[in-house]
Protein backbone atom coordinates (compact mmCIF):
# COMPACT_ATOMS: atom_id res chain seq x y z
CA MET A 1 31.50 -3.64 -10.34
CA GLU A 2 33.49 -1.88 -7.68
CA GLN A 3 31.09 1.55 -8.75
CA GLU A 4 28.17 -0.81 -8.27
CA ALA A 5 29.16 -1.86 -4.97
CA ARG A 6 29.86 1.59 -3.80
CA VAL A 7 26.30 2.69 -4.62
CA LEU A 8 25.10 -0.02 -2.36
CA ARG A 9 27.33 0.82 0.39
CA ALA A 10 25.82 4.57 -0.04
CA ALA A 11 22.35 3.48 0.67
CA GLY A 12 22.83 3.21 4.36
CA GLY A 13 20.26 0.30 4.86
CA PHE A 14 16.62 0.32 5.71
CA GLY A 15 17.12 3.73 7.02
CA ARG A 16 14.30 6.78 8.19
CA ALA A 17 13.72 7.74 4.30
CA ARG A 18 13.29 4.19 3.13
CA ARG A 19 10.95 3.46 5.87
CA LEU A 20 8.75 6.63 4.96
CA LEU A 21 8.47 5.99 1.41
CA ALA A 22 7.42 2.48 2.28
CA ALA A 23 4.75 3.67 4.51
CA ALA A 24 3.39 6.50 2.02
CA SER A 25 2.69 3.94 -0.14
CA TRP A 26 0.22 2.60 2.16
CA VAL A 27 -2.04 5.99 1.02
CA PRO A 28 -2.91 5.07 -2.54
CA CYS A 29 -4.10 1.79 -1.41
CA ILE A 30 -7.00 3.53 0.12
CA VAL A 31 -8.09 4.77 -3.28
CA LEU A 32 -7.45 1.53 -5.12
CA GLY A 33 -9.46 -0.19 -2.11
CA LEU A 34 -11.80 1.65 -2.55
CA ALA A 35 -11.69 1.33 -6.61
CA LEU A 36 -11.89 -2.39 -6.41
CA SER A 37 -14.59 -2.43 -4.14
CA SER A 38 -17.00 -0.63 -5.60
CA GLU A 39 -18.33 -3.14 -8.08
CA ALA A 40 -20.46 -4.50 -5.14
CA LEU A 41 -22.29 -0.94 -5.05
CA LEU A 42 -22.25 -0.49 -8.85
CA THR A 43 -24.28 -4.26 -9.52
CA ALA A 44 -26.14 -4.48 -6.17
CA GLN A 45 -29.61 -5.26 -7.26
CA PRO A 46 -32.20 -3.97 -4.84
CA ALA A 47 -35.80 -5.08 -3.64
CA HIS A 48 -37.68 -4.28 -7.21
CA HIS A 49 -41.08 -5.51 -8.27
CA CYS A 50 -43.31 -4.66 -11.74
CA ARG A 51 -44.90 -1.21 -11.79
CA PRO A 52 -48.81 -1.93 -10.96
CA ASP A 53 -50.40 -1.24 -14.65
CA PRO A 54 -54.20 -0.44 -14.21
CA THR A 55 -55.10 -0.77 -17.59
CA LEU A 56 -54.66 -4.53 -17.59
CA LEU A 57 -57.02 -4.86 -14.45
CA PRO A 58 -60.66 -5.13 -15.19
CA PRO A 59 -62.73 -2.17 -14.66
CA PRO A 60 -63.73 -2.90 -10.96
CA LEU A 61 -60.07 -2.93 -9.95
CA ARG A 62 -59.07 0.12 -11.96
CA ALA A 63 -59.63 2.67 -8.93
CA LEU A 64 -57.70 0.74 -6.62
CA ARG A 65 -54.78 2.90 -4.76
CA GLY A 66 -51.98 2.06 -2.72
CA PRO A 67 -51.35 -1.67 -1.30
CA ALA A 68 -54.69 -2.75 -2.76
CA LEU A 69 -53.67 -2.12 -6.22
CA LEU A 70 -50.48 -3.70 -5.31
CA ASP A 71 -52.23 -6.86 -4.14
CA ALA A 72 -54.42 -6.70 -7.28
CA ALA A 73 -51.60 -6.54 -9.48
CA ILE A 74 -49.09 -8.42 -8.41
CA PRO A 75 -48.54 -12.00 -7.61
CA ARG A 76 -47.43 -12.55 -3.98
CA LEU A 77 -44.39 -15.73 -3.29
CA GLY A 78 -43.13 -17.21 -0.55
CA PRO A 79 -43.92 -17.81 3.04
CA THR A 80 -43.45 -13.79 3.58
CA ARG A 81 -45.92 -13.31 0.69
CA ALA A 82 -42.82 -10.93 -1.17
CA PRO A 83 -44.23 -8.96 -4.67
CA SER A 84 -43.06 -10.77 -7.15
CA PRO A 85 -40.02 -9.34 -8.96
CA CYS A 86 -40.64 -10.19 -12.46
CA LEU A 87 -44.74 -10.46 -12.95
CA LEU A 88 -47.73 -8.97 -13.36
CA LEU A 89 -51.65 -10.38 -12.69
CA ARG A 90 -53.45 -11.66 -16.03
CA TYR A 91 -56.95 -11.57 -15.75
CA PRO A 92 -59.49 -12.76 -17.96
CA GLY A 93 -61.73 -10.76 -20.43
CA PRO A 94 -65.20 -9.68 -19.08
CA ALA A 95 -67.16 -12.91 -18.30
CA PRO A 96 -71.07 -12.61 -20.31
CA ARG A 97 -74.07 -11.73 -17.82
CA THR A 98 -76.76 -14.45 -17.91
CA ARG A 99 -78.49 -13.17 -14.70
CA PRO A 100 -79.19 -10.09 -13.02
CA GLY A 101 -77.63 -8.60 -10.10
CA PRO A 102 -74.09 -7.99 -9.01
CA ARG A 103 -71.07 -8.78 -11.25
CA PRO A 104 -68.60 -11.41 -8.76
CA ALA A 105 -65.17 -10.03 -8.35
CA PRO A 106 -63.05 -11.07 -10.54
CA ALA A 107 -60.18 -13.38 -10.04
CA SER A 108 -56.72 -13.74 -11.74
CA ASN A 109 -55.76 -16.75 -13.91
CA GLY A 110 -52.13 -16.21 -14.57
CA THR A 111 -49.19 -14.00 -14.81
CA ARG A 112 -47.57 -12.08 -17.41
CA PRO A 113 -44.49 -10.23 -17.56
CA CYS A 114 -44.21 -6.53 -16.11
CA THR A 115 -45.18 -3.80 -18.90
CA ARG A 116 -44.37 -0.48 -17.12
CA GLY A 117 -41.16 -0.87 -15.76
CA TRP A 118 -40.17 -1.82 -11.81
CA LEU A 119 -40.69 0.21 -8.58
CA TYR A 120 -36.98 -0.29 -6.44
CA ALA A 121 -36.48 -0.19 -3.29
CA LEU A 122 -33.93 2.45 -3.33
CA PRO A 123 -33.12 3.01 0.49
CA SER A 124 -31.47 -0.87 0.73
CA ALA A 125 -29.23 -0.58 -2.29
CA GLY A 126 -27.70 2.21 -0.75
CA LEU A 127 -27.61 4.47 -3.72
CA LEU A 128 -30.48 6.65 -4.68
CA GLN A 129 -29.71 5.51 -8.77
CA SER A 130 -27.28 2.39 -9.93
CA PRO A 131 -26.70 0.78 -13.17
CA VAL A 132 -29.10 -1.36 -12.43
CA THR A 133 -31.50 0.89 -11.48
CA GLN A 134 -30.98 3.34 -14.37
CA TRP A 135 -31.04 0.27 -16.96
CA ASN A 136 -33.67 -1.71 -15.67
CA LEU A 137 -30.72 -4.62 -15.27
CA VAL A 138 -32.93 -6.93 -13.52
CA CYS A 139 -35.71 -9.89 -14.78
CA GLY A 140 -34.81 -10.88 -18.72
CA ASP A 141 -31.83 -8.24 -18.28
CA GLY A 142 -30.60 -9.84 -15.05
CA TRP A 143 -27.79 -11.46 -16.78
CA LYS A 144 -26.19 -8.18 -18.18
CA VAL A 145 -24.80 -7.51 -14.24
CA PRO A 146 -22.56 -10.79 -13.91
CA LEU A 147 -21.22 -10.19 -17.67
CA GLU A 148 -20.02 -6.58 -16.11
CA GLN A 149 -18.83 -8.36 -13.64
CA ALA A 150 -17.05 -10.90 -15.30
CA SER A 151 -15.66 -8.07 -17.86
CA HIS A 152 -14.21 -5.82 -15.01
CA LEU A 153 -12.85 -9.08 -13.19
CA LEU A 154 -11.42 -10.01 -16.96
CA GLY A 155 -10.04 -6.61 -17.10
CA TRP A 156 -7.99 -7.13 -13.76
CA LEU A 157 -6.64 -10.17 -14.65
CA LEU A 158 -5.22 -8.92 -18.27
CA GLY A 159 -4.08 -6.04 -16.74
CA CYS A 160 -2.25 -7.73 -13.83
CA VAL A 161 -0.37 -10.38 -16.99
CA VAL A 162 0.04 -7.34 -19.51
CA LEU A 163 1.04 -4.72 -17.20
CA GLY A 164 2.96 -7.33 -14.99
CA ALA A 165 5.25 -7.56 -17.95
CA GLY A 166 5.83 -4.00 -18.25
CA CYS A 167 6.83 -3.02 -14.95
CA ASP A 168 9.82 -5.53 -16.06
CA ARG A 169 10.30 -3.42 -19.04
CA PHE A 170 9.80 0.09 -18.52
CA GLY A 171 9.85 0.05 -14.88
CA ARG A 172 7.18 0.27 -11.79
CA ARG A 173 7.19 4.22 -11.57
CA ALA A 174 6.21 4.23 -15.63
CA VAL A 175 3.78 1.95 -15.67
CA PHE A 176 2.82 3.29 -12.25
CA VAL A 177 2.22 6.79 -13.12
CA ALA A 178 0.81 5.83 -16.44
CA SER A 179 -2.26 3.39 -14.79
CA LEU A 180 -3.13 6.21 -12.88
CA VAL A 181 -3.46 8.66 -15.86
CA LEU A 182 -5.10 5.91 -17.75
CA THR A 183 -7.58 5.22 -14.38
CA THR A 184 -8.40 8.85 -13.94
CA GLY A 185 -9.73 9.51 -17.50
CA LEU A 186 -11.36 6.01 -17.49
CA GLY A 187 -12.96 6.80 -14.03
CA ALA A 188 -14.14 9.90 -15.10
CA SER A 189 -15.67 8.63 -18.90
CA GLU A 190 -17.63 5.84 -16.45
CA ALA A 191 -19.45 8.63 -15.00
CA LEU A 192 -20.61 10.25 -18.36
CA ALA A 193 -21.44 6.49 -19.96
CA ALA A 194 -24.67 7.06 -22.11
CA SER A 195 -25.46 3.16 -22.37
CA PHE A 196 -24.28 -0.30 -20.62
CA PRO A 197 -22.59 -1.45 -23.67
CA THR A 198 -20.36 1.32 -23.21
CA LEU A 199 -19.98 1.01 -19.55
CA LEU A 200 -19.24 -2.28 -19.88
CA VAL A 201 -16.12 -1.68 -22.58
CA LEU A 202 -14.73 1.06 -19.88
CA ARG A 203 -15.39 -1.35 -17.16
CA LEU A 204 -13.04 -4.11 -18.64
CA LEU A 205 -10.20 -1.51 -19.43
CA HIS A 206 -10.68 0.40 -15.67
CA GLY A 207 -10.31 -2.97 -14.31
CA GLY A 208 -6.75 -3.23 -16.20
CA THR A 209 -5.93 -0.40 -15.23
CA LEU A 210 -6.15 -0.26 -11.74
CA ALA A 211 -4.13 -3.95 -11.93
CA GLY A 212 -1.66 -2.26 -13.09
CA ALA A 213 -1.37 0.57 -10.65
CA LEU A 214 -1.81 -1.69 -7.62
CA LEU A 215 0.71 -4.43 -9.34
CA ALA A 216 3.52 -1.36 -9.85
CA LEU A 217 3.08 0.28 -6.01
CA TYR A 218 2.74 -3.87 -4.55
CA LEU A 219 6.56 -4.15 -6.22
CA ALA A 220 7.92 -0.62 -5.77
CA ARG A 221 7.07 -1.15 -2.09
CA LEU A 222 8.64 -4.40 -1.76
CA GLU A 223 11.88 -3.46 -3.44
CA LEU A 224 12.10 -0.33 -1.01
CA CYS A 225 11.94 -2.85 2.21
CA ASP A 226 15.07 -5.07 3.26
CA PRO A 227 13.92 -8.99 3.30
CA PRO A 228 12.73 -8.65 6.97
CA HIS A 229 10.16 -5.66 6.99
CA ARG A 230 8.39 -6.66 3.74
CA LEU A 231 5.66 -8.46 5.74
CA VAL A 232 5.12 -5.80 8.10
CA PHE A 233 4.99 -3.21 5.52
CA SER A 234 2.72 -5.90 3.12
CA VAL A 235 0.57 -6.28 6.15
CA GLY A 236 0.42 -2.21 6.32
CA ALA A 237 -0.76 -1.68 2.89
CA GLY A 238 -3.82 -4.58 3.11
CA LEU A 239 -4.77 -2.59 6.17
CA PHE A 240 -5.22 0.46 4.54
CA SER A 241 -6.66 -1.33 1.50
CA VAL A 242 -9.33 -2.72 4.20
CA ALA A 243 -9.90 0.79 4.96
CA GLY A 244 -10.82 2.40 1.74
CA THR A 245 -13.55 -0.63 1.44
CA LEU A 246 -15.22 0.77 4.40
CA LEU A 247 -14.81 4.04 3.65
CA LEU A 248 -17.00 2.89 0.20
CA PRO A 249 -20.17 2.78 2.00
CA GLY A 250 -19.82 6.49 3.48
CA LEU A 251 -19.42 7.89 0.59
CA ALA A 252 -21.50 6.05 -1.17
CA ALA A 253 -24.38 7.58 1.17
CA LEU A 254 -23.27 11.07 1.09
CA VAL A 255 -22.99 11.34 -2.87
CA GLN A 256 -26.21 9.43 -3.34
CA ASP A 257 -25.58 8.76 -6.89
CA TRP A 258 -23.22 5.98 -8.65
CA ARG A 259 -22.06 8.56 -11.49
CA LEU A 260 -20.97 11.28 -8.45
CA LEU A 261 -19.38 8.19 -6.74
CA GLN A 262 -17.47 7.09 -9.73
CA GLY A 263 -16.49 11.06 -10.69
CA LEU A 264 -15.19 10.90 -7.02
CA GLY A 265 -13.18 7.75 -7.57
CA ALA A 266 -11.33 9.97 -10.76
CA LEU A 267 -10.82 12.64 -8.74
CA MET A 268 -8.97 10.68 -6.11
CA SER A 269 -6.98 9.55 -8.73
CA GLY A 270 -5.96 12.49 -10.12
CA LEU A 271 -4.73 13.60 -6.52
CA LEU A 272 -2.79 10.89 -5.72
CA LEU A 273 -1.44 11.21 -9.50
CA LEU A 274 -0.63 15.10 -8.44
CA PHE A 275 1.43 14.11 -5.34
CA TRP A 276 2.58 10.54 -6.40
CA GLY A 277 3.60 11.13 -9.94
CA PHE A 278 6.50 13.11 -8.40
CA PRO A 279 9.71 11.29 -8.11
CA ALA A 280 9.94 12.09 -4.19
CA LEU A 281 7.70 10.50 -3.20
CA PHE A 282 7.65 7.33 -5.84
CA PRO A 283 11.17 7.22 -7.37
CA GLU A 284 12.13 4.38 -9.55
CA SER A 285 12.76 0.96 -7.83
CA PRO A 286 16.80 1.26 -7.33
CA CYS A 287 16.86 -3.01 -7.54
CA TRP A 288 15.18 -2.72 -11.24
CA LEU A 289 17.78 0.41 -12.39
CA LEU A 290 20.32 -2.30 -11.47
CA ALA A 291 18.89 -5.41 -13.30
CA THR A 292 18.75 -3.60 -16.07
CA GLY A 293 22.10 -2.09 -16.09
CA GLN A 294 20.88 1.66 -15.31
CA VAL A 295 23.98 1.97 -12.36
CA ALA A 296 24.06 5.40 -12.59
CA GLN A 297 20.49 6.35 -12.26
CA ALA A 298 20.26 3.64 -9.45
CA ARG A 299 23.36 5.67 -7.85
CA LYS A 300 21.64 8.85 -7.88
CA VAL A 301 18.39 7.09 -6.23
CA LEU A 302 20.25 5.46 -3.61
CA TRP A 303 22.56 8.62 -2.97
CA ARG A 304 19.44 10.47 -2.28
CA PHE A 305 18.41 8.25 0.34
CA ALA A 306 21.61 7.55 1.75
CA GLU A 307 21.51 11.97 2.60
CA ALA A 308 17.72 11.86 3.60
CA SER A 309 18.61 9.27 6.46
CA GLY A 310 21.17 10.99 7.77
CA VAL A 311 24.23 8.59 6.57
CA ASP A 312 27.20 9.64 5.37
CA PRO A 313 27.69 7.95 1.79
CA GLU A 314 31.58 8.25 2.38
CA ASP A 315 31.51 6.09 5.32
CA SER A 316 28.75 4.02 5.14
CA SER A 317 30.21 0.11 5.65
CA LEU A 318 29.11 -2.93 3.56
CA GLU A 319 28.68 -4.58 6.86
CA GLU A 320 25.95 -2.82 7.89
CA ASN A 321 24.82 -2.02 4.94
CA SER A 322 21.13 -4.05 4.88
CA LEU A 323 20.08 -3.15 1.56
CA ALA A 324 23.87 -4.30 0.00
CA THR A 325 23.19 -7.81 1.84
CA GLY A 326 19.97 -8.06 0.44
CA GLN A 327 21.04 -7.14 -2.71
CA ALA A 328 24.40 -8.13 -3.45
CA PRO A 329 25.93 -9.67 -6.08
CA ALA A 330 25.62 -13.49 -4.25
CA ARG A 331 22.03 -12.88 -2.53
CA GLU A 332 18.17 -12.73 -4.27
CA ASP A 333 15.47 -10.85 -3.37
CA ARG A 334 13.40 -12.89 -1.53
CA ASP A 335 -25.82 -22.70 3.01
CA SER A 336 -26.34 -25.90 3.55
CA ASP A 337 -28.67 -27.71 5.96
CA LEU A 338 -26.27 -26.36 8.71
CA PRO A 339 -27.63 -23.94 11.04
CA GLY A 340 -27.37 -19.97 10.07
CA TRP A 341 -24.76 -18.83 12.78
CA THR A 342 -22.66 -22.09 11.65
CA VAL A 343 -22.93 -21.22 8.24
CA LEU A 344 -21.72 -17.44 9.41
CA PHE A 345 -18.89 -18.53 11.08
CA LEU A 346 -17.47 -20.99 8.57
CA SER A 347 -17.79 -18.19 5.96
CA VAL A 348 -15.88 -15.82 8.23
CA LEU A 349 -13.03 -18.38 9.02
CA GLY A 350 -12.73 -19.26 5.38
CA LEU A 351 -12.91 -15.60 4.21
CA LEU A 352 -9.99 -15.30 6.61
CA ALA A 353 -7.63 -18.14 5.52
CA SER A 354 -8.34 -17.81 1.82
CA ARG A 355 -7.37 -13.84 2.45
CA ALA A 356 -4.18 -14.91 4.27
CA VAL A 357 -3.22 -17.49 1.87
CA SER A 358 -3.93 -15.03 -1.30
CA ALA A 359 -1.73 -12.57 0.49
CA LEU A 360 1.15 -15.07 1.49
CA SER A 361 1.04 -16.32 -2.08
CA SER A 362 1.43 -12.89 -3.38
CA LEU A 363 4.33 -12.53 -0.89
CA PHE A 364 6.11 -15.47 -1.78
CA ALA A 365 5.86 -15.34 -5.39
CA ALA A 366 7.24 -11.95 -5.39
CA GLU A 367 9.94 -13.52 -3.34
CA VAL A 368 10.78 -16.28 -5.59
CA PHE A 369 10.63 -14.73 -8.92
CA PRO A 370 14.24 -13.09 -9.40
CA THR A 371 15.67 -9.48 -9.76
CA VAL A 372 18.87 -10.03 -10.82
CA ILE A 373 20.92 -7.22 -10.25
CA SER A 374 24.57 -8.99 -11.24
CA CYS A 375 25.14 -11.04 -14.25
CA PRO A 376 27.93 -10.80 -17.14
CA GLN A 377 25.16 -8.88 -19.25
CA PRO A 378 22.78 -6.33 -17.59
CA THR A 379 19.43 -8.27 -17.82
CA LEU A 380 15.23 -7.60 -17.37
CA SER A 381 14.17 -8.90 -14.32
CA HIS A 382 10.89 -11.26 -14.36
CA ARG A 383 9.89 -10.27 -10.65
CA GLY A 384 6.97 -8.33 -12.42
CA ALA A 385 5.74 -10.55 -14.59
CA GLY A 386 5.67 -13.83 -12.79
CA LEU A 387 4.08 -11.58 -10.06
CA GLY A 388 1.25 -10.61 -12.62
CA LEU A 389 1.06 -14.10 -13.78
CA VAL A 390 0.23 -15.10 -9.53
CA LEU A 391 -2.42 -12.55 -9.28
CA GLY A 392 -3.66 -12.63 -12.11
CA ALA A 393 -4.66 -16.32 -11.75
CA GLY A 394 -6.64 -15.27 -8.68
CA PHE A 395 -9.09 -13.00 -10.55
CA LEU A 396 -9.31 -15.37 -13.05
CA GLY A 397 -11.29 -17.12 -10.27
CA GLN A 398 -13.13 -14.44 -9.25
CA ALA A 399 -14.41 -13.81 -12.98
CA ALA A 400 -15.84 -16.80 -13.00
CA SER A 401 -17.72 -16.38 -9.70
CA PRO A 402 -20.31 -14.27 -11.12
CA LEU A 403 -21.40 -16.63 -13.59
CA ASP A 404 -22.63 -18.89 -10.92
CA THR A 405 -26.00 -16.20 -10.61
CA LEU A 406 -26.92 -16.84 -14.27
CA HIS A 407 -27.79 -20.59 -12.76
CA GLY A 408 -29.87 -19.40 -10.47
CA GLN A 409 -27.79 -20.35 -7.45
CA ARG A 410 -28.11 -24.19 -8.14
CA GLY A 411 -25.58 -27.17 -7.79
CA PHE A 412 -24.14 -24.91 -4.49
CA PHE A 413 -23.06 -28.45 -3.15
CA LEU A 414 -21.43 -29.25 -6.10
CA GLN A 415 -19.44 -25.90 -5.74
CA GLN A 416 -18.43 -26.45 -2.35
CA VAL A 417 -16.91 -29.91 -3.46
CA VAL A 418 -14.99 -28.16 -6.09
CA PHE A 419 -14.00 -25.52 -4.35
CA ALA A 420 -12.85 -27.62 -1.56
CA SER A 421 -10.68 -30.14 -3.99
CA LEU A 422 -8.86 -27.28 -4.66
CA ALA A 423 -7.99 -26.51 -1.35
CA VAL A 424 -6.67 -30.12 -0.58
CA LEU A 425 -4.58 -29.43 -3.97
CA THR A 426 -3.50 -26.53 -3.18
CA LEU A 427 -2.32 -27.94 0.32
CA LEU A 428 -0.34 -30.82 -1.67
CA CYS A 429 1.63 -28.06 -3.66
CA VAL A 430 2.72 -26.40 -0.63
CA LEU A 431 4.36 -30.00 0.58
CA LEU A 432 6.46 -29.83 -2.76
CA LEU A 433 8.04 -26.41 -1.34
CA PRO A 434 11.06 -26.17 0.27
CA GLU A 435 10.26 -24.63 3.29
CA SER A 436 8.03 -27.40 3.72
CA ARG A 437 10.97 -30.05 4.08
CA SER A 438 12.82 -27.63 6.14
CA ARG A 439 14.97 -26.15 3.68
CA GLY A 440 15.68 -22.23 2.70
CA LEU A 441 14.75 -20.61 -0.23
CA PRO A 442 17.97 -19.89 -2.16
CA GLN A 443 19.50 -16.73 -2.27
CA SER A 444 21.45 -16.38 -5.06
CA LEU A 445 21.12 -17.99 -8.83
CA GLN A 446 24.74 -20.30 -8.17
CA ASP A 447 21.94 -21.68 -4.83
CA ALA A 448 19.30 -21.98 -7.61
CA ASP A 449 21.72 -24.03 -9.34
CA HIS A 450 21.94 -26.76 -6.99
CA LEU A 451 18.62 -26.86 -5.68
CA TYR A 452 17.16 -29.98 -5.54
CA ARG A 453 13.75 -31.00 -5.51
CA SER A 454 11.50 -32.27 -2.02
CA PRO A 455 9.61 -35.48 -2.94
CA LEU A 456 6.60 -36.15 -1.62
CA LEU A 457 7.44 -39.87 -0.93
CA ARG A 458 10.25 -41.23 0.77
CA GLY A 459 13.32 -42.34 -0.79
CA CYS A 460 16.95 -40.65 -2.39
CA PRO A 461 16.07 -36.92 -3.69
CA ARG A 462 16.75 -36.52 -7.43
CA GLN A 463 18.81 -33.30 -8.57
CA ASP A 464 16.91 -31.52 -11.27
CA HIS A 465 18.28 -32.24 -14.59
CA LEU A 466 19.38 -28.10 -15.70
CA PRO A 467 20.12 -27.39 -19.27
CA LEU A 468 23.79 -27.31 -20.02
CA LEU A 469 24.68 -28.92 -16.93
CA PRO A 470 25.49 -33.12 -16.36
CA PRO A 471 22.81 -34.72 -13.95
CA SER A 472 24.72 -35.72 -10.53
CA ASP A 473 25.16 -39.14 -9.44
CA SER A 474 25.79 -37.69 -5.66
CA CYS A 475 23.13 -39.66 -4.53
CA TRP A 476 24.40 -43.07 -5.40
CA ALA A 477 27.83 -42.23 -4.55
CA GLY A 478 26.30 -41.69 -0.93
CA HIS A 479 26.79 -38.00 -0.87
CA THR A 480 23.59 -35.69 0.66
CA PRO A 481 22.32 -33.10 -1.61
CA GLU A 482 23.53 -30.28 1.00
CA GLN A 483 27.29 -31.64 0.57
CA HIS A 484 27.72 -30.23 -3.04
């Protein structure tokens, strides 16, 4: 224990070196944000309609060209008279001539499916070619698009759960580097996919590796920062992720093809691996090393932090060391009928609130799940597995959203009722948190052992029944939980 305390004193607090490393972790968020948002462009469905088939037209109409041929071959729908995306007009056979004179112009008497493929309005899609246009994932095959979207998000869910536990077992750095290697290879393979089923499998695996890289990077950044700076640096990482999302349309317009876009994403992942694969830019988390009993390796990392920050390891005091105070054995890391402008305003407000709740939930979960660095026997931390489950639950909801398109956008009101009910349920869960009752989170395992529930109803609080500990009767003896 004395050696461990000396290592922590030598870290020099949240000094210059750790600040620079935490800020450098923002740069990979640009690539990860670009990869996460590329799904919207890859599966965007451009405006399309059937390719006219002159052989199906009566002889008097086969010589038509341009807009006239389009009017004769394709039915018009809606008030704007837009071409139907999936149908051709059907004409009857030639009627027998009953009297001399010019034959009347033929009239259609129904519709039929496309026979010669589709024509796409590519400029509105942002890409000259996408998987949708290459494999004609429209009309009868349109169900494959939400299947691909759900598959990709399912990969993110599985990656959060599996690789989150891997972060606890093998380390943040090992999972980050391995995920980047797999991301680079899978991104290049997607660019060379020869069929849609192959692309479907690759997108599933690619989502999992991206989730692993994102989760490992989040955990490493969190454990580089002391508690007062974690929110600031997490917000900075979120802004860089948004920058990657805003960069995507420009890259798509530049490369003009989805395969080149995927190849460019793989190249960026390779560059991340080339630079952030070195221990100098992405060292192993000292918290994880200490939690797993690897004190010698943790001492080396913290000594480098102290020297790079200009702190003399022999002179740094325990009281001035924010790392020691944050990680010492006695603490723990902590459109319906509404007007269009109203719908737009409410949608933007809802998205902002949803993003804020999601970001705060991730930060809160990472603070609550323990990274124990001092106990009788070294044990694996559970922060990665716990945060992976929380993020995986979020991707479960996102994976379900593309399935709504299979029902033709019906049941819009019912969906909003379900979403509102979930929001109310979330609010009720927030009322159960200790901070909602003006009580701080436990700072150590000893504090957690005496944690009391915060009941919604008035009355005497009961102590949680903990394994191997007798229940407390202090409430009935006239004592409050804080007196224990």
